[in-house]
């Protein structure tokens, strides 16, 4: 895999890596892991709500009144 960044993105990544005393690769790999984890959780929650919310719609409607 090749990651193509703009000069500004590369410089920002370089500064961040230096600040954290880590390699640019380590910073990018951590960012990808966090992105996948966060989006996976959001997708799972959305899926559960889509499936379960209709079951409780009437009760939620009553509570809202």
N, C-alpha and C. Protein backbone atom coordinates (compact mmCIF):
# COMPACT_ATOMS: atom_id res chain seq x y z
N UNK A 1 0.84 -1.17 0.00
CA UNK A 1 0.00 0.00 0.00
C UNK A 1 0.89 1.24 0.00
N UNK A 2 0.48 2.21 -0.76
CA UNK A 2 1.19 3.49 -0.80
C UNK A 2 0.24 4.57 -0.34
N UNK A 3 0.70 5.39 0.56
CA UNK A 3 -0.10 6.50 1.07
C UNK A 3 0.47 7.79 0.50
N UNK A 4 -0.34 8.49 -0.26
CA UNK A 4 0.13 9.74 -0.85
C UNK A 4 -0.47 10.91 -0.09
N UNK A 5 0.39 11.72 0.49
CA UNK A 5 -0.03 12.88 1.25
C UNK A 5 0.45 14.15 0.57
N UNK A 6 -0.26 15.24 0.83
CA UNK A 6 0.23 16.53 0.34
C UNK A 6 1.46 16.90 1.15
N UNK A 7 2.18 17.90 0.67
CA UNK A 7 3.35 18.36 1.42
C UNK A 7 2.94 18.84 2.81
N UNK A 8 1.81 19.53 2.89
CA UNK A 8 1.35 20.04 4.19
C UNK A 8 0.98 18.89 5.13
N UNK A 9 0.33 17.86 4.59
CA UNK A 9 -0.03 16.70 5.42
C UNK A 9 1.21 15.96 5.90
N UNK A 10 2.17 15.82 5.01
CA UNK A 10 3.42 15.15 5.38
C UNK A 10 4.14 15.91 6.47
N UNK A 11 4.19 17.23 6.33
CA UNK A 11 4.87 18.05 7.33
C UNK A 11 4.14 17.99 8.67
N UNK A 12 2.82 18.01 8.65
CA UNK A 12 2.04 17.91 9.89
C UNK A 12 2.28 16.56 10.55
N UNK A 13 2.31 15.51 9.76
CA UNK A 13 2.57 14.17 10.28
C UNK A 13 3.98 14.08 10.84
N UNK A 14 4.93 14.65 10.15
CA UNK A 14 6.32 14.64 10.62
C UNK A 14 6.44 15.35 11.97
N UNK A 15 5.80 16.52 12.08
CA UNK A 15 5.85 17.27 13.35
C UNK A 15 5.20 16.47 14.48
N UNK A 16 4.06 15.83 14.18
CA UNK A 16 3.36 15.06 15.21
C UNK A 16 4.22 13.89 15.66
N UNK A 17 4.81 13.19 14.71
CA UNK A 17 5.66 12.04 15.03
C UNK A 17 6.86 12.48 15.88
N UNK A 18 7.47 13.58 15.51
CA UNK A 18 8.60 14.08 16.29
C UNK A 18 8.15 14.45 17.71
N UNK A 19 6.99 15.09 17.83
CA UNK A 19 6.46 15.49 19.13
C UNK A 19 6.26 14.27 20.03
N UNK A 20 5.79 13.17 19.43
CA UNK A 20 5.51 11.95 20.18
C UNK A 20 6.71 11.01 20.26
N UNK A 21 7.82 11.40 19.66
CA UNK A 21 9.02 10.56 19.61
C UNK A 21 8.70 9.19 19.02
N UNK A 22 7.93 9.20 17.94
CA UNK A 22 7.55 7.97 17.25
C UNK A 22 7.82 8.16 15.77
N UNK A 23 7.79 7.07 15.04
CA UNK A 23 7.96 7.18 13.59
C UNK A 23 6.64 7.64 12.96
N UNK A 24 6.75 8.19 11.78
CA UNK A 24 5.55 8.60 11.05
C UNK A 24 4.66 7.39 10.80
N UNK A 25 5.27 6.26 10.49
CA UNK A 25 4.51 5.04 10.24
C UNK A 25 3.71 4.63 11.48
N UNK A 26 4.33 4.70 12.64
CA UNK A 26 3.63 4.33 13.88
C UNK A 26 2.42 5.23 14.12
N UNK A 27 2.59 6.53 13.87
CA UNK A 27 1.49 7.47 14.06
C UNK A 27 0.34 7.16 13.10
N UNK A 28 0.65 6.89 11.85
CA UNK A 28 -0.37 6.59 10.86
C UNK A 28 -1.08 5.27 11.19
N UNK A 29 -0.32 4.25 11.57
CA UNK A 29 -0.94 2.97 11.90
C UNK A 29 -1.89 3.11 13.08
N UNK A 30 -1.50 3.88 14.10
CA UNK A 30 -2.38 4.12 15.25
C UNK A 30 -3.63 4.87 14.82
N UNK A 31 -3.48 5.85 13.96
CA UNK A 31 -4.63 6.61 13.48
C UNK A 31 -5.61 5.72 12.72
N UNK A 32 -5.09 4.81 11.91
CA UNK A 32 -5.95 3.89 11.16
C UNK A 32 -6.68 2.95 12.12
N UNK A 33 -5.96 2.42 13.11
CA UNK A 33 -6.61 1.54 14.09
C UNK A 33 -7.74 2.26 14.81
N UNK A 34 -7.49 3.48 15.25
CA UNK A 34 -8.51 4.26 15.95
C UNK A 34 -9.71 4.55 15.05
N UNK A 35 -9.44 4.90 13.80
CA UNK A 35 -10.51 5.19 12.84
C UNK A 35 -11.41 3.97 12.64
N UNK A 36 -10.81 2.83 12.40
CA UNK A 36 -11.56 1.60 12.17
C UNK A 36 -12.36 1.23 13.41
N UNK A 37 -11.74 1.31 14.58
CA UNK A 37 -12.42 0.97 15.82
C UNK A 37 -13.61 1.89 16.07
N UNK A 38 -13.41 3.19 15.92
CA UNK A 38 -14.48 4.16 16.17
C UNK A 38 -15.64 3.99 15.19
N UNK A 39 -15.32 3.80 13.93
CA UNK A 39 -16.38 3.64 12.94
C UNK A 39 -17.08 2.29 13.06
N UNK A 40 -16.36 1.27 13.47
CA UNK A 40 -16.98 -0.04 13.66
C UNK A 40 -18.00 0.03 14.80
N UNK A 41 -17.64 0.71 15.89
CA UNK A 41 -18.57 0.88 17.01
C UNK A 41 -19.81 1.64 16.58
N UNK A 42 -19.61 2.73 15.85
CA UNK A 42 -20.72 3.57 15.40
C UNK A 42 -21.64 2.77 14.49
N UNK A 43 -21.07 2.00 13.57
CA UNK A 43 -21.87 1.19 12.67
C UNK A 43 -22.66 0.13 13.42
N UNK A 44 -22.03 -0.50 14.41
CA UNK A 44 -22.71 -1.52 15.20
C UNK A 44 -23.86 -0.90 15.98
N UNK A 45 -23.63 0.24 16.61
CA UNK A 45 -24.68 0.91 17.37
C UNK A 45 -25.83 1.30 16.46
N UNK A 46 -25.52 1.83 15.31
CA UNK A 46 -26.54 2.23 14.35
C UNK A 46 -27.36 1.02 13.92
N UNK A 47 -26.70 -0.08 13.68
CA UNK A 47 -27.39 -1.31 13.27
C UNK A 47 -28.32 -1.81 14.37
N UNK A 48 -27.84 -1.83 15.60
CA UNK A 48 -28.65 -2.29 16.72
C UNK A 48 -29.86 -1.37 16.90
N UNK A 49 -29.63 -0.06 16.82
CA UNK A 49 -30.75 0.87 16.98
C UNK A 49 -31.78 0.69 15.87
N UNK A 50 -31.32 0.51 14.64
CA UNK A 50 -32.25 0.29 13.52
C UNK A 50 -33.09 -0.96 13.73
N UNK A 51 -32.52 -1.98 14.33
CA UNK A 51 -33.25 -3.23 14.54
C UNK A 51 -34.13 -3.20 15.78
N UNK A 52 -33.66 -2.57 16.85
CA UNK A 52 -34.36 -2.63 18.13
C UNK A 52 -35.32 -1.46 18.39
N UNK A 53 -35.03 -0.30 17.86
CA UNK A 53 -35.85 0.87 18.14
C UNK A 53 -37.32 0.69 17.74
N UNK A 54 -37.61 0.12 16.58
CA UNK A 54 -39.02 -0.06 16.22
C UNK A 54 -39.80 -0.88 17.25
N UNK A 55 -39.15 -1.80 17.90
CA UNK A 55 -39.81 -2.64 18.89
C UNK A 55 -40.33 -1.80 20.06
N UNK A 56 -39.62 -0.74 20.39
CA UNK A 56 -39.95 0.09 21.54
C UNK A 56 -40.55 1.44 21.13
N UNK A 57 -40.92 1.59 19.88
CA UNK A 57 -41.41 2.87 19.37
C UNK A 57 -42.65 3.36 20.13
N UNK A 58 -43.58 2.48 20.38
CA UNK A 58 -44.81 2.88 21.07
C UNK A 58 -44.50 3.33 22.49
N UNK A 59 -43.68 2.60 23.21
CA UNK A 59 -43.32 2.97 24.57
C UNK A 59 -42.56 4.29 24.58
N UNK A 60 -41.66 4.48 23.66
CA UNK A 60 -40.90 5.73 23.58
C UNK A 60 -41.82 6.90 23.26
N UNK A 61 -42.79 6.66 22.40
CA UNK A 61 -43.75 7.69 22.05
C UNK A 61 -44.56 8.10 23.29
N UNK A 62 -44.99 7.12 24.06
CA UNK A 62 -45.75 7.42 25.28
C UNK A 62 -44.91 8.18 26.30
N UNK A 63 -43.65 7.80 26.43
CA UNK A 63 -42.77 8.49 27.37
C UNK A 63 -42.52 9.94 26.94
N UNK A 64 -42.57 10.17 25.64
CA UNK A 64 -42.33 11.50 25.12
C UNK A 64 -43.49 12.45 25.33
N UNK A 65 -44.65 11.93 25.73
CA UNK A 65 -45.85 12.78 25.92
C UNK A 65 -46.00 13.25 27.33
